[in-house]
Amino acid sequence: MLRATTFHYPPFVFRNPGAPWSGVEVNILDIIAQSLGLTVTYEPPKDGKLWGFVFPNGSAVGLKADLLFGRSDIGFAS
């Protein structure tokens, strides 16, 4: 399983309530994952801070925090 952090960022990533994640980047990752025999789970950044930031003290927020702290394997939104 591949854990992906992303967020609604048209036309690259779409997140519509009640519908699967979609968009150019989602389609590309789905094709790569399928060729490797992986499934992908998509989640928005845990703290809702979009791309995020890593601070000088080592703390982080957003997509970058999810990657830095091992909550996600890959992150993208163009």
PDB file of N, CA and C in Angstrom:
ATOM      1  N   MET A   1       0.845  -1.181   0.000  1.00  0.00           N
ATOM      2  CA  MET A   1       0.000   0.000   0.000  1.00  0.00           C
ATOM      3  C   MET A   1       0.889   1.243   0.000  1.00  0.00           C
ATOM      4  N   LEU A   2       0.498   2.221  -0.763  1.00  0.00           N
ATOM      5  CA  LEU A   2       1.190   3.495  -0.858  1.00  0.00           C
ATOM      6  C   LEU A   2       0.283   4.569  -0.263  1.00  0.00           C
ATOM      7  N   ARG A   3       0.796   5.283   0.725  1.00  0.00           N
ATOM      8  CA  ARG A   3       0.023   6.352   1.370  1.00  0.00           C
ATOM      9  C   ARG A   3       0.398   7.684   0.734  1.00  0.00           C
ATOM     10  N   ALA A   4      -0.582   8.349   0.132  1.00  0.00           N
ATOM     11  CA  ALA A   4      -0.332   9.611  -0.563  1.00  0.00           C
ATOM     12  C   ALA A   4      -1.052  10.759   0.133  1.00  0.00           C
ATOM     13  N   THR A   5      -0.326  11.841   0.344  1.00  0.00           N
ATOM     14  CA  THR A   5      -0.923  13.066   0.870  1.00  0.00           C
ATOM     15  C   THR A   5      -1.059  14.052  -0.280  1.00  0.00           C
ATOM     16  N   THR A   6      -2.254  14.576  -0.461  1.00  0.00           N
ATOM     17  CA  THR A   6      -2.514  15.565  -1.496  1.00  0.00           C
ATOM     18  C   THR A   6      -3.744  16.367  -1.094  1.00  0.00           C
ATOM     19  N   PHE A   7      -4.113  17.324  -1.908  1.00  0.00           N
ATOM     20  CA  PHE A   7      -5.288  18.136  -1.605  1.00  0.00           C
ATOM     21  C   PHE A   7      -5.875  18.679  -2.898  1.00  0.00           C
ATOM     22  N   HIS A   8      -7.092  19.182  -2.805  1.00  0.00           N
ATOM     23  CA  HIS A   8      -7.817  19.708  -3.964  1.00  0.00           C
ATOM     24  C   HIS A   8      -7.023  20.858  -4.580  1.00  0.00           C
ATOM     25  N   TYR A   9      -6.553  20.640  -5.821  1.00  0.00           N
ATOM     26  CA  TYR A   9      -5.757  21.648  -6.514  1.00  0.00           C
ATOM     27  C   TYR A   9      -5.946  21.466  -8.018  1.00  0.00           C
ATOM     28  N   PRO A  10      -7.134  21.861  -8.528  1.00  0.00           N
ATOM     29  CA  PRO A  10      -7.450  21.666  -9.947  1.00  0.00           C
ATOM     30  C   PRO A  10      -6.448  22.386 -10.862  1.00  0.00           C
ATOM     31  N   PRO A  11      -6.180  21.845 -12.026  1.00  0.00           N
ATOM     32  CA  PRO A  11      -6.713  20.608 -12.619  1.00  0.00           C
ATOM     33  C   PRO A  11      -5.884  19.380 -12.278  1.00  0.00           C
ATOM     34  N   PHE A  12      -4.935  19.528 -11.368  1.00  0.00           N
ATOM     35  CA  PHE A  12      -4.015  18.442 -11.060  1.00  0.00           C
ATOM     36  C   PHE A  12      -4.603  17.418 -10.102  1.00  0.00           C
ATOM     37  N   VAL A  13      -5.333  17.896  -9.109  1.00  0.00           N
ATOM     38  CA  VAL A  13      -5.958  17.018  -8.117  1.00  0.00           C
ATOM     39  C   VAL A  13      -7.354  17.558  -7.817  1.00  0.00           C
ATOM     40  N   PHE A  14      -8.333  16.661  -7.889  1.00  0.00           N
ATOM     41  CA  PHE A  14      -9.710  17.018  -7.542  1.00  0.00           C
ATOM     42  C   PHE A  14     -10.157  16.150  -6.375  1.00  0.00           C
ATOM     43  N   ARG A  15     -10.800  16.779  -5.404  1.00  0.00           N
ATOM     44  CA  ARG A  15     -11.419  16.034  -4.312  1.00  0.00           C
ATOM     45  C   ARG A  15     -12.845  16.539  -4.177  1.00  0.00           C
ATOM     46  N   ASN A  16     -13.771  15.695  -4.572  1.00  0.00           N
ATOM     47  CA  ASN A  16     -15.186  16.033  -4.482  1.00  0.00           C
ATOM     48  C   ASN A  16     -15.848  15.108  -3.475  1.00  0.00           C
ATOM     49  N   PRO A  17     -16.632  15.654  -2.550  1.00  0.00           N
ATOM     50  CA  PRO A  17     -17.289  14.814  -1.544  1.00  0.00           C
ATOM     51  C   PRO A  17     -18.073  13.676  -2.187  1.00  0.00           C
ATOM     52  N   GLY A  18     -17.889  12.486  -1.669  1.00  0.00           N
ATOM     53  CA  GLY A  18     -18.616  11.321  -2.162  1.00  0.00           C
ATOM     54  C   GLY A  18     -18.075  10.736  -3.445  1.00  0.00           C
ATOM     55  N   ALA A  19     -16.970  11.278  -3.957  1.00  0.00           N
ATOM     56  CA  ALA A  19     -16.381  10.767  -5.201  1.00  0.00           C
ATOM     57  C   ALA A  19     -14.913  10.433  -4.954  1.00  0.00           C
ATOM     58  N   PRO A  20     -14.365   9.517  -5.747  1.00  0.00           N
ATOM     59  CA  PRO A  20     -12.940   9.207  -5.577  1.00  0.00           C
ATOM     60  C   PRO A  20     -12.058  10.395  -5.979  1.00  0.00           C
ATOM     61  N   TRP A  21     -10.854  10.423  -5.448  1.00  0.00           N
ATOM     62  CA  TRP A  21      -9.878  11.428  -5.855  1.00  0.00           C
ATOM     63  C   TRP A  21      -9.659  11.283  -7.353  1.00  0.00           C
ATOM     64  N   SER A  22      -9.412  12.400  -8.043  1.00  0.00           N
ATOM     65  CA  SER A  22      -9.172  12.356  -9.484  1.00  0.00           C
ATOM     66  C   SER A  22      -8.254  13.503  -9.876  1.00  0.00           C
ATOM     67  N   GLY A  23      -7.952  13.584 -11.160  1.00  0.00           N
ATOM     68  CA  GLY A  23      -7.090  14.630 -11.680  1.00  0.00           C
ATOM     69  C   GLY A  23      -5.850  14.041 -12.325  1.00  0.00           C
ATOM     70  N   VAL A  24      -5.122  14.866 -13.031  1.00  0.00           N
ATOM     71  CA  VAL A  24      -3.951  14.421 -13.783  1.00  0.00           C
ATOM     72  C   VAL A  24      -2.940  13.713 -12.889  1.00  0.00           C
ATOM     73  N   GLU A  25      -2.569  14.315 -11.777  1.00  0.00           N
ATOM     74  CA  GLU A  25      -1.546  13.725 -10.915  1.00  0.00           C
ATOM     75  C   GLU A  25      -2.034  12.444 -10.249  1.00  0.00           C
ATOM     76  N   VAL A  26      -3.287  12.400  -9.868  1.00  0.00           N
ATOM     77  CA  VAL A  26      -3.859  11.180  -9.289  1.00  0.00           C
ATOM     78  C   VAL A  26      -3.833  10.060 -10.325  1.00  0.00           C
ATOM     79  N   ASN A  27      -4.215  10.369 -11.565  1.00  0.00           N
ATOM     80  CA  ASN A  27      -4.205   9.358 -12.624  1.00  0.00           C
ATOM     81  C   ASN A  27      -2.803   8.815 -12.864  1.00  0.00           C
ATOM     82  N   ILE A  28      -1.806   9.696 -12.881  1.00  0.00           N
ATOM     83  CA  ILE A  28      -0.421   9.258 -13.091  1.00  0.00           C
ATOM     84  C   ILE A  28       0.023   8.336 -11.967  1.00  0.00           C
ATOM     85  N   LEU A  29      -0.233   8.723 -10.720  1.00  0.00           N
ATOM     86  CA  LEU A  29       0.173   7.878  -9.596  1.00  0.00           C
ATOM     87  C   LEU A  29      -0.570   6.552  -9.613  1.00  0.00           C
ATOM     88  N   ASP A  30      -1.843   6.553  -9.958  1.00  0.00           N
ATOM     89  CA  ASP A  30      -2.603   5.299 -10.046  1.00  0.00           C
ATOM     90  C   ASP A  30      -1.994   4.356 -11.081  1.00  0.00           C
ATOM     91  N   ILE A  31      -1.568   4.884 -12.226  1.00  0.00           N
ATOM     92  CA  ILE A  31      -0.954   4.051 -13.269  1.00  0.00           C
ATOM     93  C   ILE A  31       0.372   3.469 -12.782  1.00  0.00           C
ATOM     94  N   ILE A  32       1.199   4.290 -12.149  1.00  0.00           N
ATOM     95  CA  ILE A  32       2.477   3.807 -11.619  1.00  0.00           C
ATOM     96  C   ILE A  32       2.242   2.744 -10.558  1.00  0.00           C
ATOM     97  N   ALA A  33       1.332   3.014  -9.631  1.00  0.00           N
ATOM     98  CA  ALA A  33       1.044   2.065  -8.555  1.00  0.00           C
ATOM     99  C   ALA A  33       0.528   0.748  -9.113  1.00  0.00           C
ATOM    100  N   GLN A  34      -0.361   0.812 -10.082  1.00  0.00           N
ATOM    101  CA  GLN A  34      -0.909  -0.407 -10.679  1.00  0.00           C
ATOM    102  C   GLN A  34       0.200  -1.228 -11.329  1.00  0.00           C
ATOM    103  N   SER A  35       1.128  -0.573 -12.008  1.00  0.00           N
ATOM    104  CA  SER A  35       2.216  -1.304 -12.664  1.00  0.00           C
ATOM    105  C   SER A  35       3.150  -1.955 -11.650  1.00  0.00           C
ATOM    106  N   LEU A  36       3.192  -1.420 -10.432  1.00  0.00           N
ATOM    107  CA  LEU A  36       4.021  -1.987  -9.366  1.00  0.00           C
ATOM    108  C   LEU A  36       3.247  -2.922  -8.446  1.00  0.00           C
ATOM    109  N   GLY A  37       1.962  -3.094  -8.712  1.00  0.00           N
ATOM    110  CA  GLY A  37       1.129  -3.961  -7.888  1.00  0.00           C
ATOM    111  C   GLY A  37       0.781  -3.357  -6.541  1.00  0.00           C
ATOM    112  N   LEU A  38       0.720  -2.040  -6.469  1.00  0.00           N
ATOM    113  CA  LEU A  38       0.398  -1.350  -5.221  1.00  0.00           C
ATOM    114  C   LEU A  38      -0.993  -0.743  -5.282  1.00  0.00           C
ATOM    115  N   THR A  39      -1.576  -0.548  -4.122  1.00  0.00           N
ATOM    116  CA  THR A  39      -2.805   0.231  -4.025  1.00  0.00           C
ATOM    117  C   THR A  39      -2.443   1.565  -3.367  1.00  0.00           C
ATOM    118  N   VAL A  40      -3.199   2.585  -3.692  1.00  0.00           N
ATOM    119  CA  VAL A  40      -2.915   3.919  -3.163  1.00  0.00           C
ATOM    120  C   VAL A  40      -4.079   4.381  -2.305  1.00  0.00           C
ATOM    121  N   THR A  41      -3.766   4.922  -1.144  1.00  0.00           N
ATOM    122  CA  THR A  41      -4.771   5.614  -0.342  1.00  0.00           C
ATOM    123  C   THR A  41      -4.411   7.097  -0.364  1.00  0.00           C
ATOM    124  N   TYR A  42      -5.413   7.920  -0.588  1.00  0.00           N
ATOM    125  CA  TYR A  42      -5.216   9.369  -0.672  1.00  0.00           C
ATOM    126  C   TYR A  42      -5.829  10.028   0.550  1.00  0.00           C
ATOM    127  N   GLU A  43      -5.080  10.943   1.149  1.00  0.00           N
ATOM    128  CA  GLU A  43      -5.558  11.706   2.303  1.00  0.00           C
ATOM    129  C   GLU A  43      -5.067  13.141   2.181  1.00  0.00           C
ATOM    130  N   PRO A  44      -5.857  14.099   2.664  1.00  0.00           N
ATOM    131  CA  PRO A  44      -5.355  15.477   2.719  1.00  0.00           C
ATOM    132  C   PRO A  44      -4.352  15.601   3.867  1.00  0.00           C
ATOM    133  N   PRO A  45      -3.561  16.665   3.913  1.00  0.00           N
ATOM    134  CA  PRO A  45      -2.647  16.859   5.037  1.00  0.00           C
ATOM    135  C   PRO A  45      -3.411  16.792   6.361  1.00  0.00           C
ATOM    136  N   LYS A  46      -2.838  16.110   7.323  1.00  0.00           N
ATOM    137  CA  LYS A  46      -3.530  15.880   8.599  1.00  0.00           C
ATOM    138  C   LYS A  46      -3.946  17.171   9.293  1.00  0.00           C
ATOM    139  N   ASP A  47      -3.133  18.207   9.163  1.00  0.00           N
ATOM    140  CA  ASP A  47      -3.460  19.461   9.848  1.00  0.00           C
ATOM    141  C   ASP A  47      -4.115  20.494   8.935  1.00  0.00           C
ATOM    142  N   GLY A  48      -4.383  20.126   7.676  1.00  0.00           N
ATOM    143  CA  GLY A  48      -5.066  21.025   6.754  1.00  0.00           C
ATOM    144  C   GLY A  48      -4.234  22.193   6.241  1.00  0.00           C
ATOM    145  N   LYS A  49      -2.929  22.137   6.393  1.00  0.00           N
ATOM    146  CA  LYS A  49      -2.066  23.271   6.030  1.00  0.00           C
ATOM    147  C   LYS A  49      -1.501  23.202   4.604  1.00  0.00           C
ATOM    148  N   LEU A  50      -2.135  22.441   3.715  1.00  0.00           N
ATOM    149  CA  LEU A  50      -1.736  22.310   2.311  1.00  0.00           C
ATOM    150  C   LEU A  50      -0.276  21.888   2.177  1.00  0.00           C
ATOM    151  N   TRP A  51       0.538  22.607   1.372  1.00  0.00           N
ATOM    152  CA  TRP A  51       1.915  22.161   1.142  1.00  0.00           C
ATOM    153  C   TRP A  51       2.706  22.132   2.437  1.00  0.00           C
ATOM    154  N   GLY A  52       2.546  23.116   3.254  1.00  0.00           N
ATOM    155  CA  GLY A  52       3.208  23.146   4.541  1.00  0.00           C
ATOM    156  C   GLY A  52       4.581  23.772   4.516  1.00  0.00           C
ATOM    157  N   PHE A  53       5.273  23.609   5.640  1.00  0.00           N
ATOM    158  CA  PHE A  53       6.570  24.243   5.839  1.00  0.00           C
ATOM    159  C   PHE A  53       7.324  23.462   6.904  1.00  0.00           C
ATOM    160  N   VAL A  54       8.647  23.387   6.765  1.00  0.00           N
ATOM    161  CA  VAL A  54       9.501  22.812   7.802  1.00  0.00           C
ATOM    162  C   VAL A  54      10.225  23.979   8.471  1.00  0.00           C
ATOM    163  N   PHE A  55      10.076  24.081   9.781  1.00  0.00           N
ATOM    164  CA  PHE A  55      10.654  25.177  10.539  1.00  0.00           C
ATOM    165  C   PHE A  55      12.083  24.858  10.965  1.00  0.00           C
ATOM    166  N   PRO A  56      12.887  25.885  11.274  1.00  0.00           N
ATOM    167  CA  PRO A  56      14.282  25.662  11.677  1.00  0.00           C
ATOM    168  C   PRO A  56      14.441  24.735  12.883  1.00  0.00           C
ATOM    169  N   ASN A  57      13.438  24.687  13.752  1.00  0.00           N
ATOM    170  CA  ASN A  57      13.540  23.828  14.935  1.00  0.00           C
ATOM    171  C   ASN A  57      13.186  22.367  14.644  1.00  0.00           C
ATOM    172  N   GLY A  58      12.860  22.047  13.370  1.00  0.00           N
ATOM    173  CA  GLY A  58      12.549  20.665  12.991  1.00  0.00           C
ATOM    174  C   GLY A  58      11.076  20.329  12.997  1.00  0.00           C
ATOM    175  N   SER A  59      10.246  21.211  13.514  1.00  0.00           N
ATOM    176  CA  SER A  59       8.810  20.954  13.448  1.00  0.00           C
ATOM    177  C   SER A  59       8.331  21.267  12.032  1.00  0.00           C
ATOM    178  N   ALA A  60       7.165  20.771  11.701  1.00  0.00           N
ATOM    179  CA  ALA A  60       6.650  20.962  10.348  1.00  0.00           C
ATOM    180  C   ALA A  60       5.136  20.944  10.362  1.00  0.00           C
ATOM    181  N   VAL A  61       4.559  21.475   9.294  1.00  0.00           N
ATOM    182  CA  VAL A  61       3.109  21.462   9.107  1.00  0.00           C
ATOM    183  C   VAL A  61       2.807  21.051   7.670  1.00  0.00           C
ATOM    184  N   GLY A  62       1.549  20.686   7.438  1.00  0.00           N
ATOM    185  CA  GLY A  62       1.064  20.395   6.096  1.00  0.00           C
ATOM    186  C   GLY A  62       1.585  19.105   5.492  1.00  0.00           C
ATOM    187  N   LEU A  63       1.555  19.053   4.179  1.00  0.00           N
ATOM    188  CA  LEU A  63       2.006  17.895   3.420  1.00  0.00           C
ATOM    189  C   LEU A  63       3.439  17.531   3.808  1.00  0.00           C
ATOM    190  N   LYS A  64       4.280  18.529   4.000  1.00  0.00           N
ATOM    191  CA  LYS A  64       5.675  18.277   4.369  1.00  0.00           C
ATOM    192  C   LYS A  64       5.772  17.574   5.714  1.00  0.00           C
ATOM    193  N   ALA A  65       4.916  17.916   6.654  1.00  0.00           N
ATOM    194  CA  ALA A  65       4.916  17.248   7.957  1.00  0.00           C
ATOM    195  C   ALA A  65       4.517  15.786   7.809  1.00  0.00           C
ATOM    196  N   ASP A  66       3.517  15.513   6.980  1.00  0.00           N
ATOM    197  CA  ASP A  66       3.089  14.127   6.785  1.00  0.00           C
ATOM    198  C   ASP A  66       4.232  13.285   6.236  1.00  0.00           C
ATOM    199  N   LEU A  67       5.024  13.841   5.326  1.00  0.00           N
ATOM    200  CA  LEU A  67       6.182  13.120   4.786  1.00  0.00           C
ATOM    201  C   LEU A  67       7.290  12.996   5.827  1.00  0.00           C
ATOM    202  N   LEU A  68       7.626  14.094   6.469  1.00  0.00           N
ATOM    203  CA  LEU A  68       8.720  14.128   7.432  1.00  0.00           C
ATOM    204  C   LEU A  68       8.499  13.174   8.599  1.00  0.00           C
ATOM    205  N   PHE A  69       7.264  13.081   9.077  1.00  0.00           N
ATOM    206  CA  PHE A  69       6.970  12.272  10.251  1.00  0.00           C
ATOM    207  C   PHE A  69       6.434  10.885   9.909  1.00  0.00           C
ATOM    208  N   GLY A  70       6.545  10.472   8.635  1.00  0.00           N
ATOM    209  CA  GLY A  70       6.210   9.107   8.236  1.00  0.00           C
ATOM    210  C   GLY A  70       4.733   8.795   8.142  1.00  0.00           C
ATOM    211  N   ARG A  71       3.898   9.804   8.080  1.00  0.00           N
ATOM    212  CA  ARG A  71       2.461   9.556   7.947  1.00  0.00           C
ATOM    213  C   ARG A  71       2.063   9.328   6.496  1.00  0.00           C
ATOM    214  N   SER A  72       2.984   9.606   5.578  1.00  0.00           N
ATOM    215  CA  SER A  72       2.716   9.476   4.152  1.00  0.00           C
ATOM    216  C   SER A  72       3.985   9.013   3.453  1.00  0.00           C
ATOM    217  N   ASP A  73       3.808   8.298   2.334  1.00  0.00           N
ATOM    218  CA  ASP A  73       4.946   7.833   1.546  1.00  0.00           C
ATOM    219  C   ASP A  73       5.285   8.789   0.408  1.00  0.00           C
ATOM    220  N   ILE A  74       4.300   9.520  -0.065  1.00  0.00           N
ATOM    221  CA  ILE A  74       4.477  10.451  -1.175  1.00  0.00           C
ATOM    222  C   ILE A  74       3.497  11.604  -0.994  1.00  0.00           C
ATOM    223  N   GLY A  75       3.895  12.773  -1.432  1.00  0.00           N
ATOM    224  CA  GLY A  75       3.021  13.935  -1.358  1.00  0.00           C
ATOM    225  C   GLY A  75       3.089  14.722  -2.648  1.00  0.00           C
ATOM    226  N   PHE A  76       1.957  15.241  -3.071  1.00  0.00           N
ATOM    227  CA  PHE A  76       1.927  16.019  -4.309  1.00  0.00           C
ATOM    228  C   PHE A  76       0.680  16.885  -4.388  1.00  0.00           C
ATOM    229  N   ALA A  77       0.780  17.917  -5.166  1.00  0.00           N
ATOM    230  CA  ALA A  77      -0.318  18.805  -5.574  1.00  0.00           C
ATOM    231  C   ALA A  77       0.334  19.844  -6.466  1.00  0.00           C
ATOM    232  N   SER A  78       0.752  19.384  -7.626  1.00  0.00           N
ATOM    233  CA  SER A  78       1.489  20.154  -8.621  1.00  0.00           C
ATOM    234  C   SER A  78       2.663  20.792  -7.960  1.00  0.00           C
TER     235      SER A  78
END
